[in-house]
Amino acid sequence: MRYFSNRLKWLPVVLFSVGVVTPGIAKAATNSNAATVTLNATLSAFLTVTVASPNITWTAGTNPLVNGTQVTGTGSPLITTSWLLASTNSHIYLYGYFGSATAALTDTASDNIPSSAVFGAVTTSGGAVATPTTALTAFTQTAAAPATGIGTASASLLLDTYAVSLSNIINLTGITDTLKVAITTPALQPAGAYTGTITIQAQAD
């Protein structure tokens, strides 16, 4: 009985010891190695030009072509340029151009009006970021650096330049230019019904 009594006397001490030690063992942390996950995401840039009311006409009784005289066409095409660009872009160049310098307009008899006889200009609502060509200027330019690979040599015209910065790197509404075109018909131009196409294209650098 005395042996059993002595064992009971030590039981609280043993239980207390277990209660103290066991929680410490349970809280010990073991960390794994550090693994990684790689994220690859692309936000695509875009530069878009749209033209509304794209027709300009020279019609008998209203504003016909006259040999040796500059006549402005009827019609106001609205060119809207919108974009989402990279932070490295600094300018947008808006060009209009013909496919040929010698045959900007042609008739069914293959008589041609050269691009040097066609003049363009724009008005703009682009504010301080825009540098439009507001004076009628002949389509005789070739895209100059930093613009490259755009337009036709000696048959192009820089219509507007937009400055791009972080404050307007996104312009979803766009800037709208109104195009005005005049033709100075060569003095010996044959009579005919002439047609031609101006291509509008923008480039960001």
Protein backbone atom coordinates (compact mmCIF):
# COMPACT_ATOMS: atom_id res chain seq x y z
CA MET A 1 0.00 0.00 0.00
CA ARG A 2 2.85 2.36 0.86
CA TYR A 3 4.37 1.75 -2.60
CA PHE A 4 1.11 2.57 -4.29
CA SER A 5 0.71 5.67 -2.13
CA ASN A 6 4.13 6.93 -3.14
CA ARG A 7 3.28 6.50 -6.81
CA LEU A 8 0.11 8.53 -6.39
CA LYS A 9 2.12 11.27 -4.69
CA TRP A 10 4.31 11.72 -7.78
CA LEU A 11 1.43 11.55 -10.32
CA PRO A 12 0.55 15.30 -10.26
CA VAL A 13 4.16 16.18 -10.89
CA VAL A 14 4.31 13.88 -13.87
CA LEU A 15 1.05 15.18 -15.27
CA PHE A 16 2.18 18.78 -14.76
CA SER A 17 5.41 18.06 -16.58
CA VAL A 18 3.57 16.52 -19.51
CA GLY A 19 1.22 19.50 -19.70
CA VAL A 20 4.10 21.92 -19.85
CA VAL A 21 6.24 20.06 -22.36
CA THR A 22 3.58 18.81 -24.79
CA PRO A 23 2.27 22.25 -25.95
CA GLY A 24 5.82 23.35 -26.70
CA ILE A 25 6.34 20.37 -28.97
CA ALA A 26 3.03 20.97 -30.81
CA LYS A 27 3.92 24.64 -31.62
CA ALA A 28 7.26 23.90 -33.22
CA ALA A 29 7.10 25.11 -36.94
CA THR A 30 8.66 23.38 -39.90
CA ASN A 31 8.87 25.41 -43.14
CA SER A 32 9.00 24.02 -46.64
CA ASN A 33 11.20 25.30 -49.42
CA ALA A 34 10.00 28.50 -51.20
CA ALA A 35 8.44 27.71 -54.60
CA THR A 36 7.41 30.38 -57.13
CA VAL A 37 4.68 31.01 -59.70
CA THR A 38 5.53 33.06 -62.79
CA LEU A 39 2.89 35.41 -64.26
CA ASN A 40 3.01 36.42 -67.95
CA ALA A 41 0.38 38.93 -69.10
CA THR A 42 0.05 41.05 -72.24
CA LEU A 43 -1.94 44.26 -72.66
CA SER A 44 -1.97 44.74 -76.42
CA ALA A 45 -1.35 48.16 -77.92
CA PHE A 46 -3.55 49.50 -80.70
CA LEU A 47 -3.68 52.49 -83.01
CA THR A 48 -6.89 52.95 -85.01
CA VAL A 49 -7.99 55.40 -87.70
CA THR A 50 -11.62 55.72 -88.79
CA VAL A 51 -13.11 58.03 -91.41
CA ALA A 52 -16.70 59.24 -91.36
CA SER A 53 -18.37 60.99 -94.34
CA PRO A 54 -15.46 59.97 -96.57
CA ASN A 55 -16.52 61.60 -99.85
CA ILE A 56 -15.24 64.84 -101.39
CA THR A 57 -16.68 65.99 -104.72
CA TRP A 58 -16.16 68.54 -107.47
CA THR A 59 -19.43 68.73 -109.39
CA ALA A 60 -20.64 70.77 -112.34
CA GLY A 61 -22.83 73.66 -111.22
CA THR A 62 -21.42 73.65 -107.67
CA ASN A 63 -17.63 73.64 -107.70
CA PRO A 64 -16.38 72.10 -110.96
CA LEU A 65 -12.73 71.67 -111.74
CA VAL A 66 -11.30 74.54 -113.79
CA ASN A 67 -8.04 74.29 -115.70
CA GLY A 68 -5.28 76.24 -114.05
CA THR A 69 -7.40 77.11 -111.00
CA GLN A 70 -7.47 75.76 -107.43
CA VAL A 71 -10.94 74.60 -106.38
CA THR A 72 -11.82 73.20 -102.94
CA GLY A 73 -13.95 70.08 -102.92
CA THR A 74 -17.32 69.74 -101.20
CA GLY A 75 -17.33 67.43 -98.23
CA SER A 76 -15.75 67.21 -94.79
CA PRO A 77 -14.38 63.75 -93.98
CA LEU A 78 -13.89 63.30 -90.24
CA ILE A 79 -10.71 61.41 -89.39
CA THR A 80 -10.66 60.04 -85.83
CA THR A 81 -7.45 58.57 -84.40
CA SER A 82 -7.64 56.58 -81.14
CA TRP A 83 -5.01 54.58 -79.33
CA LEU A 84 -3.62 52.61 -76.42
CA LEU A 85 0.17 52.75 -76.58
CA ALA A 86 3.30 51.81 -74.65
CA SER A 87 5.02 54.20 -72.28
CA THR A 88 7.95 54.34 -74.73
CA ASN A 89 5.85 55.94 -77.50
CA SER A 90 6.20 59.69 -77.88
CA HIS A 91 4.38 60.72 -81.09
CA ILE A 92 1.67 59.68 -83.52
CA TYR A 93 1.98 60.73 -87.17
CA LEU A 94 -1.18 60.91 -89.27
CA TYR A 95 -0.59 60.69 -93.01
CA GLY A 96 -2.77 60.88 -96.08
CA TYR A 97 -1.38 59.54 -99.32
CA PHE A 98 -2.15 58.45 -102.88
CA GLY A 99 -0.97 55.19 -104.40
CA SER A 100 0.87 57.03 -107.18
CA ALA A 101 2.52 60.44 -107.48
CA THR A 102 1.77 60.65 -111.20
CA ALA A 103 -1.83 59.42 -111.05
CA ALA A 104 -3.62 60.65 -107.92
CA LEU A 105 -6.83 60.85 -109.93
CA THR A 106 -7.55 59.26 -113.28
CA ASP A 107 -10.42 59.05 -115.77
CA THR A 108 -11.65 56.24 -118.01
CA ALA A 109 -9.35 57.43 -120.82
CA SER A 110 -6.33 57.06 -118.52
CA ASP A 111 -5.82 60.78 -118.24
CA ASN A 112 -4.20 61.54 -114.89
CA ILE A 113 -4.08 64.34 -112.33
CA PRO A 114 -0.81 64.08 -110.35
CA SER A 115 -0.62 64.26 -106.56
CA SER A 116 1.29 67.54 -106.91
CA ALA A 117 -1.99 69.09 -108.11
CA VAL A 118 -3.90 67.90 -105.01
CA PHE A 119 -3.70 69.88 -101.76
CA GLY A 120 -4.83 68.86 -98.28
CA ALA A 121 -5.23 70.38 -94.83
CA VAL A 122 -7.01 69.58 -91.58
CA THR A 123 -8.62 71.30 -88.65
CA THR A 124 -8.34 69.60 -85.30
CA SER A 125 -9.89 69.37 -81.86
CA GLY A 126 -6.75 67.78 -80.43
CA GLY A 127 -5.74 70.77 -78.36
CA ALA A 128 -2.16 71.27 -77.25
CA VAL A 129 -1.05 67.74 -78.14
CA ALA A 130 -1.88 68.19 -81.84
CA THR A 131 0.18 69.90 -84.55
CA PRO A 132 -2.11 69.88 -87.59
CA THR A 133 -1.31 70.92 -91.14
CA THR A 134 -3.85 73.74 -91.42
CA ALA A 135 -2.60 75.36 -94.65
CA LEU A 136 -3.43 73.64 -97.93
CA THR A 137 -0.31 71.68 -98.85
CA ALA A 138 0.41 69.48 -101.87
CA PHE A 139 0.55 65.69 -101.55
CA THR A 140 4.19 65.61 -102.57
CA GLN A 141 5.85 64.53 -99.33
CA THR A 142 7.67 61.34 -98.44
CA ALA A 143 7.33 60.15 -94.85
CA ALA A 144 10.33 61.42 -92.92
CA ALA A 145 12.07 59.83 -89.92
CA PRO A 146 11.10 58.93 -87.31
CA ALA A 147 8.07 57.87 -89.38
CA THR A 148 9.09 55.04 -91.69
CA GLY A 149 7.38 52.59 -93.99
CA ILE A 150 4.20 54.62 -94.29
CA GLY A 151 2.70 56.41 -97.28
CA THR A 152 3.92 56.68 -100.87
CA ALA A 153 7.08 58.49 -101.90
CA SER A 154 6.33 61.98 -103.27
CA ALA A 155 2.56 61.39 -102.92
CA SER A 156 2.03 61.77 -99.18
CA LEU A 157 1.06 64.53 -96.76
CA LEU A 158 1.58 64.70 -92.98
CA LEU A 159 -1.86 65.77 -91.80
CA ASP A 160 -1.28 65.91 -88.05
CA THR A 161 1.18 65.01 -85.31
CA TYR A 162 0.06 64.13 -81.78
CA ALA A 163 2.40 64.31 -78.80
CA VAL A 164 2.06 61.24 -76.56
CA SER A 165 2.98 61.09 -72.87
CA LEU A 166 1.89 59.15 -69.80
CA SER A 167 -0.99 61.62 -69.39
CA ASN A 168 -2.57 60.57 -72.71
CA ILE A 169 -1.05 57.14 -73.37
CA ILE A 170 -4.67 55.96 -73.61
CA ASN A 171 -7.10 57.90 -75.79
CA LEU A 172 -10.13 55.76 -76.53
CA THR A 173 -12.30 58.71 -77.55
CA GLY A 174 -9.70 59.81 -80.05
CA ILE A 175 -8.74 63.04 -81.78
CA THR A 176 -10.85 64.06 -84.77
CA ASP A 177 -9.49 66.01 -87.73
CA THR A 178 -11.65 67.41 -90.52
CA LEU A 179 -10.02 66.92 -93.92
CA LYS A 180 -10.15 69.61 -96.60
CA VAL A 181 -8.93 68.90 -100.14
CA ALA A 182 -8.44 71.20 -103.11
CA ILE A 183 -7.32 70.46 -106.65
CA THR A 184 -5.34 72.83 -108.82
CA THR A 185 -6.13 71.38 -112.24
CA PRO A 186 -3.20 71.48 -114.68
CA ALA A 187 -3.66 74.08 -117.43
CA LEU A 188 -3.88 71.47 -120.22
CA GLN A 189 -5.87 68.81 -118.35
CA PRO A 190 -8.31 66.94 -120.66
CA ALA A 191 -12.01 66.93 -119.78
CA GLY A 192 -13.16 63.80 -117.97
CA ALA A 193 -14.71 62.31 -114.84
CA TYR A 194 -11.76 61.82 -112.51
CA THR A 195 -11.65 59.62 -109.42
CA GLY A 196 -8.98 58.96 -106.83
CA THR A 197 -8.47 57.64 -103.33
CA ILE A 198 -6.61 59.12 -100.38
CA THR A 199 -5.46 56.50 -97.89
CA ILE A 200 -5.33 57.63 -94.28
CA GLN A 201 -2.86 55.89 -91.94
CA ALA A 202 -1.22 56.65 -88.60
CA GLN A 203 2.06 55.49 -87.09
CA ALA A 204 3.31 55.75 -83.49
CA ASP A 205 7.00 55.98 -82.66
